[in-house]
Amino acid sequence: MSYSLTNTRTCHMRRLVAIAVALAIPCLSLPPAPARAEAPEPRYDLTLDLSVTASALALMLISETALKSTLIPEQCRWCSTNSLDNSVRSALRWNKPALADGLSYATLLLASAGAWTGWGEALDSGAPSPGADLLIVAESVALASVLTEVFKASFARARPLTVDPALDYGDSRWDRQDRNASFISGHTTMAFALATSAGAVAHMRGYRLEPLVWTLGGVGAVATGLLRISADQHWFTDVLAGAAVGTAVGLGVSALHRPKQAKEGALAPRMGLSSNLLVLRWAF
C-alpha cells in the first residue's frame, strides 16, 4: 500500500515537473536579444498608461473589499471536484498549509525580482525613460488582477480547504465569500504577469541581464503556483488557469508597447509545440 502511494506521488511530481518545463520552454528558447545600441525604446503614453493602471488597481481593491459580499455568493456555484485536482492536491498538500501560504508571498516577491533587475540595468545603462519598464509591468499586473476578480465572481468555486471539514481552517480565517473564490488563483496570475511582462520588456530593451530577469520571474511564478496548492488554497486547475491568464496579459500588454519597427527581436519561441509535446509525452 505504501509503495503504491509513493509510486502515485512520484508520477504526480513527474507530471508537474514536465508541465513546468513545458511552460518554461518558450521563455528559454527566445531568440537572442538585439544589441543594446539598436534596441528600440517602448512606446507608451504616460497619462493613458497611468490612468489604466490606477483604474484597474482601484477596481481590484473595491471588488476585494466593499463589493466582495455582493460579487461572490455565500454558496458555491462550482462545488464539484475532479480526479486530476484531487490527485494533485493529495500529492502536494503540506501538513502545515499555513507555512506554504506564507512562503507563497515570498515567492511572489521573487517573481517581482526580475522586474527590479531589469529596471536596475535600465538605470545603470542610462537608457531613456527607465520608468517605462516598471509602468508596463505595473499595468500588466493591474489588468491581470482585474481579470482575476472577474473569474472569481463568475465561477464562485469552492476552495480545497472547504471540501474536507476536518481540514477546514474555520471562520476565523476565511469569510463566507472568500471560501468560494478559488478560481482562478490570484497569486499565480499576478506572479506570471510579473514574470512575463518583465521578461518581455527586458527582451525588447536588449538587456544584458535578460536571462536573469526570465529566470527570477519564472522560478518565482512556478513556485508561487505550486505553493498555493500546497497551502490548500487552490486546486491545480485554478493555478493552471491563473498561469495562462497572467502569461497572456503580461505578454499582451508588453506587445502593445513594442515599437512597430521592432520586428527582429519579436517574441517568437523557436523550439515550439513539438518540444512541449515531447516533454508532456515523457510525463504521461
C-alpha atoms as a PDB file:
ATOM      1  CA  MET A   1       0.000   0.000   0.000  1.00  0.00           C
ATOM      2  CA  SER A   2       2.811   2.402   0.941  1.00  0.00           C
ATOM      3  CA  TYR A   3       4.670   1.528  -2.278  1.00  0.00           C
ATOM      4  CA  SER A   4       1.558   2.274  -4.323  1.00  0.00           C
ATOM      5  CA  LEU A   5       1.107   5.647  -2.620  1.00  0.00           C
ATOM      6  CA  THR A   6       4.771   6.539  -3.114  1.00  0.00           C
ATOM      7  CA  ASN A   7       4.648   5.496  -6.758  1.00  0.00           C
ATOM      8  CA  THR A   8       1.488   7.537  -7.312  1.00  0.00           C
ATOM      9  CA  ARG A   9       3.049  10.639  -5.787  1.00  0.00           C
ATOM     10  CA  THR A  10       6.165  10.138  -7.892  1.00  0.00           C
ATOM     11  CA  CYS A  11       4.006  10.090 -11.030  1.00  0.00           C
ATOM     12  CA  HIS A  12       2.239  13.270  -9.926  1.00  0.00           C
ATOM     13  CA  MET A  13       5.521  15.047  -9.294  1.00  0.00           C
ATOM     14  CA  ARG A  14       6.870  13.859 -12.646  1.00  0.00           C
ATOM     15  CA  ARG A  15       3.852  15.317 -14.392  1.00  0.00           C
ATOM     16  CA  LEU A  16       4.126  18.631 -12.553  1.00  0.00           C
ATOM     17  CA  VAL A  17       7.809  18.930 -13.427  1.00  0.00           C
ATOM     18  CA  ALA A  18       7.007  18.183 -17.070  1.00  0.00           C
ATOM     19  CA  ILE A  19       4.273  20.824 -17.142  1.00  0.00           C
ATOM     20  CA  ALA A  20       6.617  23.381 -15.584  1.00  0.00           C
ATOM     21  CA  VAL A  21       9.317  22.570 -18.157  1.00  0.00           C
ATOM     22  CA  ALA A  22       6.811  22.767 -20.999  1.00  0.00           C
ATOM     23  CA  LEU A  23       5.693  26.189 -19.778  1.00  0.00           C
ATOM     24  CA  ALA A  24       9.312  27.334 -19.487  1.00  0.00           C
ATOM     25  CA  ILE A  25      10.409  26.184 -22.978  1.00  0.00           C
ATOM     26  CA  PRO A  26       9.028  29.286 -24.760  1.00  0.00           C
ATOM     27  CA  CYS A  27      10.990  31.506 -22.351  1.00  0.00           C
ATOM     28  CA  LEU A  28      14.214  29.543 -22.694  1.00  0.00           C
ATOM     29  CA  SER A  29      14.020  29.397 -26.496  1.00  0.00           C
ATOM     30  CA  LEU A  30      13.689  33.109 -27.194  1.00  0.00           C
ATOM     31  CA  PRO A  31      15.912  34.432 -29.982  1.00  0.00           C
ATOM     32  CA  PRO A  32      18.986  36.386 -28.874  1.00  0.00           C
ATOM     33  CA  ALA A  33      18.250  39.894 -27.687  1.00  0.00           C
ATOM     34  CA  PRO A  34      19.232  42.690 -30.069  1.00  0.00           C
ATOM     35  CA  ALA A  35      22.343  44.705 -29.284  1.00  0.00           C
ATOM     36  CA  ARG A  36      21.762  47.459 -26.720  1.00  0.00           C
ATOM     37  CA  ALA A  37      22.656  50.224 -29.167  1.00  0.00           C
ATOM     38  CA  GLU A  38      19.988  49.007 -31.585  1.00  0.00           C
ATOM     39  CA  ALA A  39      17.307  48.190 -29.030  1.00  0.00           C
ATOM     40  CA  PRO A  40      14.268  50.425 -29.521  1.00  0.00           C
ATOM     41  CA  GLU A  41      12.501  52.197 -26.688  1.00  0.00           C
ATOM     42  CA  PRO A  42       8.999  51.024 -25.738  1.00  0.00           C
ATOM     43  CA  ARG A  43       6.050  53.081 -26.817  1.00  0.00           C
ATOM     44  CA  TYR A  44       3.917  54.463 -24.000  1.00  0.00           C
ATOM     45  CA  ASP A  45       1.564  57.294 -23.165  1.00  0.00           C
ATOM     46  CA  LEU A  46       2.229  58.324 -19.570  1.00  0.00           C
ATOM     47  CA  THR A  47      -1.237  59.777 -18.984  1.00  0.00           C
ATOM     48  CA  LEU A  48      -3.078  56.869 -20.606  1.00  0.00           C
ATOM     49  CA  ASP A  49      -0.998  54.092 -19.073  1.00  0.00           C
ATOM     50  CA  LEU A  50      -1.101  55.602 -15.594  1.00  0.00           C
ATOM     51  CA  SER A  51      -4.865  56.058 -15.878  1.00  0.00           C
ATOM     52  CA  VAL A  52      -5.402  52.461 -16.961  1.00  0.00           C
ATOM     53  CA  THR A  53      -3.141  51.141 -14.191  1.00  0.00           C
ATOM     54  CA  ALA A  54      -4.711  53.273 -11.459  1.00  0.00           C
ATOM     55  CA  SER A  55      -8.249  52.473 -12.589  1.00  0.00           C
ATOM     56  CA  ALA A  56      -7.556  48.736 -12.699  1.00  0.00           C
ATOM     57  CA  LEU A  57      -5.995  48.763  -9.233  1.00  0.00           C
ATOM     58  CA  ALA A  58      -8.933  50.749  -7.875  1.00  0.00           C
ATOM     59  CA  LEU A  59     -11.417  48.270  -9.352  1.00  0.00           C
ATOM     60  CA  MET A  60      -9.500  45.371  -7.856  1.00  0.00           C
ATOM     61  CA  LEU A  61      -9.369  46.933  -4.392  1.00  0.00           C
ATOM     62  CA  ILE A  62     -13.056  47.843  -4.441  1.00  0.00           C
ATOM     63  CA  SER A  63     -14.078  44.350  -5.523  1.00  0.00           C
ATOM     64  CA  GLU A  64     -11.847  42.785  -2.832  1.00  0.00           C
ATOM     65  CA  THR A  65     -13.293  44.942  -0.070  1.00  0.00           C
ATOM     66  CA  ALA A  66     -16.588  46.735  -0.468  1.00  0.00           C
ATOM     67  CA  LEU A  67     -18.118  44.568  -3.199  1.00  0.00           C
ATOM     68  CA  LYS A  68     -16.914  41.082  -2.251  1.00  0.00           C
ATOM     69  CA  SER A  69     -20.124  40.170  -0.413  1.00  0.00           C
ATOM     70  CA  THR A  70     -22.111  41.281  -3.457  1.00  0.00           C
ATOM     71  CA  LEU A  71     -19.993  39.748  -6.200  1.00  0.00           C
ATOM     72  CA  ILE A  72     -19.211  36.349  -4.652  1.00  0.00           C
ATOM     73  CA  PRO A  73     -22.136  34.307  -3.267  1.00  0.00           C
ATOM     74  CA  GLU A  74     -22.098  32.541   0.085  1.00  0.00           C
ATOM     75  CA  GLN A  75     -22.923  29.272  -1.678  1.00  0.00           C
ATOM     76  CA  CYS A  76     -20.527  27.979  -4.286  1.00  0.00           C
ATOM     77  CA  ARG A  77     -21.605  27.756  -7.915  1.00  0.00           C
ATOM     78  CA  TRP A  78     -18.777  25.376  -8.780  1.00  0.00           C
ATOM     79  CA  CYS A  79     -18.727  22.896  -5.911  1.00  0.00           C
ATOM     80  CA  SER A  80     -17.612  19.651  -7.565  1.00  0.00           C
ATOM     81  CA  THR A  81     -14.058  18.372  -7.901  1.00  0.00           C
ATOM     82  CA  ASN A  82     -12.351  16.069 -10.389  1.00  0.00           C
ATOM     83  CA  SER A  83      -9.775  13.298 -10.285  1.00  0.00           C
ATOM     84  CA  LEU A  84      -6.923  15.473 -11.574  1.00  0.00           C
ATOM     85  CA  ASP A  85      -7.409  18.186  -8.974  1.00  0.00           C
ATOM     86  CA  ASN A  86      -7.905  15.644  -6.204  1.00  0.00           C
ATOM     87  CA  SER A  87      -4.758  13.694  -7.072  1.00  0.00           C
ATOM     88  CA  VAL A  88      -2.556  16.781  -7.345  1.00  0.00           C
ATOM     89  CA  ARG A  89      -3.944  18.100  -4.065  1.00  0.00           C
ATOM     90  CA  SER A  90      -3.182  14.801  -2.370  1.00  0.00           C
ATOM     91  CA  ALA A  91       0.380  14.821  -3.718  1.00  0.00           C
ATOM     92  CA  LEU A  92       1.287  18.441  -2.947  1.00  0.00           C
ATOM     93  CA  ARG A  93      -0.696  19.447   0.144  1.00  0.00           C
ATOM     94  CA  TRP A  94       1.537  20.136   3.127  1.00  0.00           C
ATOM     95  CA  ASN A  95       0.845  19.024   6.676  1.00  0.00           C
ATOM     96  CA  LYS A  96       1.301  22.663   7.666  1.00  0.00           C
ATOM     97  CA  PRO A  97      -0.551  24.567   4.939  1.00  0.00           C
ATOM     98  CA  ALA A  98      -0.153  27.885   6.734  1.00  0.00           C
ATOM     99  CA  LEU A  99       3.609  27.646   6.154  1.00  0.00           C
ATOM    100  CA  ALA A 100       3.108  27.122   2.423  1.00  0.00           C
ATOM    101  CA  ASP A 101       0.686  30.038   2.432  1.00  0.00           C
ATOM    102  CA  GLY A 102       3.298  32.336   3.931  1.00  0.00           C
ATOM    103  CA  LEU A 103       6.032  31.118   1.602  1.00  0.00           C
ATOM    104  CA  SER A 104       3.844  31.822  -1.440  1.00  0.00           C
ATOM    105  CA  TYR A 105       4.063  35.521  -0.614  1.00  0.00           C
ATOM    106  CA  ALA A 106       7.853  35.268  -0.529  1.00  0.00           C
ATOM    107  CA  THR A 107       7.956  33.564  -3.936  1.00  0.00           C
ATOM    108  CA  LEU A 108       5.622  36.237  -5.285  1.00  0.00           C
ATOM    109  CA  LEU A 109       8.280  38.752  -4.292  1.00  0.00           C
ATOM    110  CA  LEU A 110      10.838  36.588  -6.079  1.00  0.00           C
ATOM    111  CA  ALA A 111       8.698  36.772  -9.226  1.00  0.00           C
ATOM    112  CA  SER A 112       8.872  40.565  -8.990  1.00  0.00           C
ATOM    113  CA  ALA A 113      12.667  40.479  -8.642  1.00  0.00           C
ATOM    114  CA  GLY A 114      13.003  40.101 -12.401  1.00  0.00           C
ATOM    115  CA  ALA A 115      11.252  43.424 -12.941  1.00  0.00           C
ATOM    116  CA  TRP A 116      13.528  45.185 -10.462  1.00  0.00           C
ATOM    117  CA  THR A 117      16.572  43.573 -12.059  1.00  0.00           C
ATOM    118  CA  GLY A 118      15.618  44.908 -15.481  1.00  0.00           C
ATOM    119  CA  TRP A 119      14.866  48.347 -14.057  1.00  0.00           C
ATOM    120  CA  GLY A 120      18.244  48.369 -12.324  1.00  0.00           C
ATOM    121  CA  GLU A 121      20.008  47.692 -15.623  1.00  0.00           C
ATOM    122  CA  ALA A 122      17.964  50.453 -17.270  1.00  0.00           C
ATOM    123  CA  LEU A 123      19.206  52.915 -14.663  1.00  0.00           C
ATOM    124  CA  ASP A 124      22.782  51.653 -14.825  1.00  0.00           C
ATOM    125  CA  SER A 125      22.969  51.775 -18.625  1.00  0.00           C
ATOM    126  CA  GLY A 126      21.429  55.223 -18.864  1.00  0.00           C
ATOM    127  CA  ALA A 127      18.518  54.017 -21.004  1.00  0.00           C
ATOM    128  CA  PRO A 128      15.945  56.706 -21.810  1.00  0.00           C
ATOM    129  CA  SER A 129      12.685  56.524 -19.844  1.00  0.00           C
ATOM    130  CA  PRO A 130      13.696  53.710 -17.433  1.00  0.00           C
ATOM    131  CA  GLY A 131      10.451  54.221 -15.564  1.00  0.00           C
ATOM    132  CA  ALA A 132       8.584  52.869 -18.600  1.00  0.00           C
ATOM    133  CA  ASP A 133       9.767  49.376 -17.648  1.00  0.00           C
ATOM    134  CA  LEU A 134       8.018  49.434 -14.296  1.00  0.00           C
ATOM    135  CA  LEU A 135       4.980  51.166 -15.766  1.00  0.00           C
ATOM    136  CA  ILE A 136       4.444  48.342 -18.272  1.00  0.00           C
ATOM    137  CA  VAL A 137       4.874  45.707 -15.564  1.00  0.00           C
ATOM    138  CA  ALA A 138       2.531  47.535 -13.179  1.00  0.00           C
ATOM    139  CA  GLU A 139      -0.112  47.887 -15.896  1.00  0.00           C
ATOM    140  CA  SER A 140       0.131  44.160 -16.656  1.00  0.00           C
ATOM    141  CA  VAL A 141      -0.283  43.192 -13.002  1.00  0.00           C
ATOM    142  CA  ALA A 142      -3.187  45.591 -12.506  1.00  0.00           C
ATOM    143  CA  LEU A 143      -5.118  44.307 -15.534  1.00  0.00           C
ATOM    144  CA  ALA A 144      -4.397  40.690 -14.598  1.00  0.00           C
ATOM    145  CA  SER A 145      -5.736  41.374 -11.105  1.00  0.00           C
ATOM    146  CA  VAL A 146      -8.987  42.753 -12.503  1.00  0.00           C
ATOM    147  CA  LEU A 147      -9.425  39.668 -14.681  1.00  0.00           C
ATOM    148  CA  THR A 148      -8.843  37.529 -11.592  1.00  0.00           C
ATOM    149  CA  GLU A 149     -11.710  39.250  -9.800  1.00  0.00           C
ATOM    150  CA  VAL A 150     -13.969  38.692 -12.816  1.00  0.00           C
ATOM    151  CA  PHE A 151     -13.176  34.972 -12.838  1.00  0.00           C
ATOM    152  CA  LYS A 152     -13.673  34.612  -9.084  1.00  0.00           C
ATOM    153  CA  ALA A 153     -17.062  36.335  -9.172  1.00  0.00           C
ATOM    154  CA  SER A 154     -18.211  34.430 -12.267  1.00  0.00           C
ATOM    155  CA  PHE A 155     -17.314  30.897 -11.149  1.00  0.00           C
ATOM    156  CA  ALA A 156     -17.555  31.116  -7.333  1.00  0.00           C
ATOM    157  CA  ARG A 157     -15.597  27.896  -6.961  1.00  0.00           C
ATOM    158  CA  ALA A 158     -15.170  26.338  -3.520  1.00  0.00           C
ATOM    159  CA  ARG A 159     -11.612  26.299  -2.216  1.00  0.00           C
ATOM    160  CA  PRO A 160      -9.987  22.926  -1.482  1.00  0.00           C
ATOM    161  CA  LEU A 161      -9.918  23.625   2.250  1.00  0.00           C
ATOM    162  CA  THR A 162     -13.735  23.685   2.342  1.00  0.00           C
ATOM    163  CA  VAL A 163     -14.147  20.220   0.801  1.00  0.00           C
ATOM    164  CA  ASP A 164     -12.906  18.282   3.827  1.00  0.00           C
ATOM    165  CA  PRO A 165     -14.471  19.668   7.037  1.00  0.00           C
ATOM    166  CA  ALA A 166     -11.734  18.054   9.124  1.00  0.00           C
ATOM    167  CA  LEU A 167      -9.131  20.237   7.392  1.00  0.00           C
ATOM    168  CA  ASP A 168     -11.180  23.436   7.278  1.00  0.00           C
ATOM    169  CA  TYR A 169      -9.428  26.422   8.885  1.00  0.00           C
ATOM    170  CA  GLY A 170     -12.628  27.815  10.319  1.00  0.00           C
ATOM    171  CA  ASP A 171     -14.481  31.121  10.141  1.00  0.00           C
ATOM    172  CA  SER A 172     -11.671  32.959  11.909  1.00  0.00           C
ATOM    173  CA  ARG A 173      -9.557  32.802   8.762  1.00  0.00           C
ATOM    174  CA  TRP A 174     -11.982  32.821   5.843  1.00  0.00           C
ATOM    175  CA  ASP A 175     -15.200  34.739   5.448  1.00  0.00           C
ATOM    176  CA  ARG A 176     -18.026  33.009   3.658  1.00  0.00           C
ATOM    177  CA  GLN A 177     -17.424  34.716   0.336  1.00  0.00           C
ATOM    178  CA  ASP A 178     -13.695  34.078   0.230  1.00  0.00           C
ATOM    179  CA  ARG A 179     -14.313  30.363   0.653  1.00  0.00           C
ATOM    180  CA  ASN A 180     -15.853  30.405  -2.816  1.00  0.00           C
ATOM    181  CA  ALA A 181     -13.142  32.421  -4.555  1.00  0.00           C
ATOM    182  CA  SER A 182     -10.875  29.608  -5.688  1.00  0.00           C
ATOM    183  CA  PHE A 183     -10.940  30.007  -9.491  1.00  0.00           C
ATOM    184  CA  ILE A 184      -8.609  31.457 -10.592  1.00  0.00           C
ATOM    185  CA  SER A 185      -5.521  31.720  -8.363  1.00  0.00           C
ATOM    186  CA  GLY A 186      -4.824  35.405  -7.912  1.00  0.00           C
ATOM    187  CA  HIS A 187      -1.286  34.901  -6.593  1.00  0.00           C
ATOM    188  CA  THR A 188      -0.382  32.762  -9.607  1.00  0.00           C
ATOM    189  CA  THR A 189      -1.956  35.162 -12.087  1.00  0.00           C
ATOM    190  CA  MET A 190      -0.063  38.089 -10.598  1.00  0.00           C
ATOM    191  CA  ALA A 191       3.229  36.153 -10.476  1.00  0.00           C
ATOM    192  CA  PHE A 192       3.069  35.120 -14.127  1.00  0.00           C
ATOM    193  CA  ALA A 193       2.009  38.606 -15.218  1.00  0.00           C
ATOM    194  CA  LEU A 194       5.042  39.976 -13.359  1.00  0.00           C
ATOM    195  CA  ALA A 195       7.441  37.423 -14.809  1.00  0.00           C
ATOM    196  CA  THR A 196       6.345  37.582 -18.431  1.00  0.00           C
ATOM    197  CA  SER A 197       5.920  41.351 -18.690  1.00  0.00           C
ATOM    198  CA  ALA A 198       9.334  41.973 -17.090  1.00  0.00           C
ATOM    199  CA  GLY A 199      10.955  39.385 -19.348  1.00  0.00           C
ATOM    200  CA  ALA A 200       9.298  40.783 -22.456  1.00  0.00           C
ATOM    201  CA  VAL A 201      10.424  44.323 -21.605  1.00  0.00           C
ATOM    202  CA  ALA A 202      13.983  43.110 -20.980  1.00  0.00           C
ATOM    203  CA  HIS A 203      13.923  41.384 -24.365  1.00  0.00           C
ATOM    204  CA  MET A 204      12.525  44.474 -26.048  1.00  0.00           C
ATOM    205  CA  ARG A 205      15.216  46.648 -24.490  1.00  0.00           C
ATOM    206  CA  GLY A 206      18.008  44.188 -25.246  1.00  0.00           C
ATOM    207  CA  TYR A 207      19.181  43.997 -21.649  1.00  0.00           C
ATOM    208  CA  ARG A 208      22.335  42.045 -20.874  1.00  0.00           C
ATOM    209  CA  LEU A 209      20.611  40.585 -17.793  1.00  0.00           C
ATOM    210  CA  GLU A 210      17.581  39.371 -19.749  1.00  0.00           C
ATOM    211  CA  PRO A 211      18.237  35.669 -18.900  1.00  0.00           C
ATOM    212  CA  LEU A 212      18.342  36.552 -15.200  1.00  0.00           C
ATOM    213  CA  VAL A 213      15.089  38.509 -15.496  1.00  0.00           C
ATOM    214  CA  TRP A 214      13.345  35.492 -17.050  1.00  0.00           C
ATOM    215  CA  THR A 215      14.892  33.075 -14.540  1.00  0.00           C
ATOM    216  CA  LEU A 216      13.959  35.028 -11.410  1.00  0.00           C
ATOM    217  CA  GLY A 217      10.466  35.710 -12.656  1.00  0.00           C
ATOM    218  CA  GLY A 218       9.849  32.193 -13.954  1.00  0.00           C
ATOM    219  CA  VAL A 219      11.112  30.378 -10.856  1.00  0.00           C
ATOM    220  CA  GLY A 220       9.144  32.705  -8.597  1.00  0.00           C
ATOM    221  CA  ALA A 221       5.965  32.307 -10.634  1.00  0.00           C
ATOM    222  CA  VAL A 222       6.089  28.493 -10.817  1.00  0.00           C
ATOM    223  CA  ALA A 223       6.965  28.227  -7.116  1.00  0.00           C
ATOM    224  CA  THR A 224       4.076  30.528  -6.218  1.00  0.00           C
ATOM    225  CA  GLY A 225       1.587  28.385  -8.105  1.00  0.00           C
ATOM    226  CA  LEU A 226       2.814  25.150  -6.519  1.00  0.00           C
ATOM    227  CA  LEU A 227       2.759  26.655  -3.030  1.00  0.00           C
ATOM    228  CA  ARG A 228      -0.846  27.807  -3.457  1.00  0.00           C
ATOM    229  CA  ILE A 229      -1.738  24.144  -3.963  1.00  0.00           C
ATOM    230  CA  SER A 230       0.437  23.079  -1.030  1.00  0.00           C
ATOM    231  CA  ALA A 231      -1.342  25.663   1.126  1.00  0.00           C
ATOM    232  CA  ASP A 232      -4.684  24.068   0.213  1.00  0.00           C
ATOM    233  CA  GLN A 233      -5.876  27.409  -1.103  1.00  0.00           C
ATOM    234  CA  HIS A 234      -6.327  26.464  -4.754  1.00  0.00           C
ATOM    235  CA  TRP A 235      -6.859  23.490  -6.993  1.00  0.00           C
ATOM    236  CA  PHE A 236      -4.369  22.606  -9.696  1.00  0.00           C
ATOM    237  CA  THR A 237      -6.723  23.843 -12.417  1.00  0.00           C
ATOM    238  CA  ASP A 238      -7.056  27.178 -10.574  1.00  0.00           C
ATOM    239  CA  VAL A 239      -3.287  27.557 -10.717  1.00  0.00           C
ATOM    240  CA  LEU A 240      -3.017  26.399 -14.329  1.00  0.00           C
ATOM    241  CA  ALA A 241      -5.673  28.886 -15.433  1.00  0.00           C
ATOM    242  CA  GLY A 242      -4.025  31.652 -13.421  1.00  0.00           C
ATOM    243  CA  ALA A 243      -0.694  30.936 -15.102  1.00  0.00           C
ATOM    244  CA  ALA A 244      -2.335  31.100 -18.535  1.00  0.00           C
ATOM    245  CA  VAL A 245      -4.171  34.368 -17.816  1.00  0.00           C
ATOM    246  CA  GLY A 246      -1.125  36.014 -16.233  1.00  0.00           C
ATOM    247  CA  THR A 247       1.115  34.982 -19.127  1.00  0.00           C
ATOM    248  CA  ALA A 248      -1.369  36.187 -21.736  1.00  0.00           C
ATOM    249  CA  VAL A 249      -1.785  39.567 -20.054  1.00  0.00           C
ATOM    250  CA  GLY A 250       1.945  40.025 -19.409  1.00  0.00           C
ATOM    251  CA  LEU A 251       2.941  39.271 -22.990  1.00  0.00           C
ATOM    252  CA  GLY A 252      -0.078  41.067 -24.447  1.00  0.00           C
ATOM    253  CA  VAL A 253       0.421  44.344 -22.593  1.00  0.00           C
ATOM    254  CA  SER A 254       4.149  44.399 -23.350  1.00  0.00           C
ATOM    255  CA  ALA A 255       3.428  43.692 -27.018  1.00  0.00           C
ATOM    256  CA  LEU A 256       1.161  46.756 -27.154  1.00  0.00           C
ATOM    257  CA  HIS A 257       4.122  48.854 -26.021  1.00  0.00           C
ATOM    258  CA  ARG A 258       6.596  47.393 -28.511  1.00  0.00           C
ATOM    259  CA  PRO A 259       7.677  49.840 -31.226  1.00  0.00           C
ATOM    260  CA  LYS A 260       6.224  48.942 -34.625  1.00  0.00           C
ATOM    261  CA  GLN A 261       9.658  48.781 -36.237  1.00  0.00           C
ATOM    262  CA  ALA A 262      10.951  46.267 -33.646  1.00  0.00           C
ATOM    263  CA  LYS A 263      10.285  43.047 -35.532  1.00  0.00           C
ATOM    264  CA  GLU A 264      13.678  41.361 -35.438  1.00  0.00           C
ATOM    265  CA  GLY A 265      13.566  40.762 -31.691  1.00  0.00           C
ATOM    266  CA  ALA A 266       9.921  39.746 -31.545  1.00  0.00           C
ATOM    267  CA  LEU A 267       8.938  37.106 -29.019  1.00  0.00           C
ATOM    268  CA  ALA A 268       8.890  34.071 -31.296  1.00  0.00           C
ATOM    269  CA  PRO A 269       9.968  30.895 -29.475  1.00  0.00           C
ATOM    270  CA  ARG A 270      11.988  28.653 -31.794  1.00  0.00           C
ATOM    271  CA  MET A 271      11.504  25.272 -30.147  1.00  0.00           C
ATOM    272  CA  GLY A 272       7.754  25.464 -30.496  1.00  0.00           C
ATOM    273  CA  LEU A 273       4.983  22.994 -29.875  1.00  0.00           C
ATOM    274  CA  SER A 274       6.948  19.857 -30.751  1.00  0.00           C
ATOM    275  CA  SER A 275       9.299  20.266 -27.779  1.00  0.00           C
ATOM    276  CA  ASN A 276       6.380  20.739 -25.393  1.00  0.00           C
ATOM    277  CA  LEU A 277       4.670  17.633 -26.718  1.00  0.00           C
ATOM    278  CA  LEU A 278       7.821  15.553 -26.228  1.00  0.00           C
ATOM    279  CA  VAL A 279       8.138  16.679 -22.617  1.00  0.00           C
ATOM    280  CA  LEU A 280       4.484  16.012 -21.826  1.00  0.00           C
ATOM    281  CA  ARG A 281       4.634  12.635 -23.554  1.00  0.00           C
ATOM    282  CA  TRP A 282       7.538  11.694 -21.252  1.00  0.00           C
ATOM    283  CA  ALA A 283       5.401  12.506 -18.228  1.00  0.00           C
ATOM    284  CA  PHE A 284       2.134  10.910 -19.266  1.00  0.00           C
END
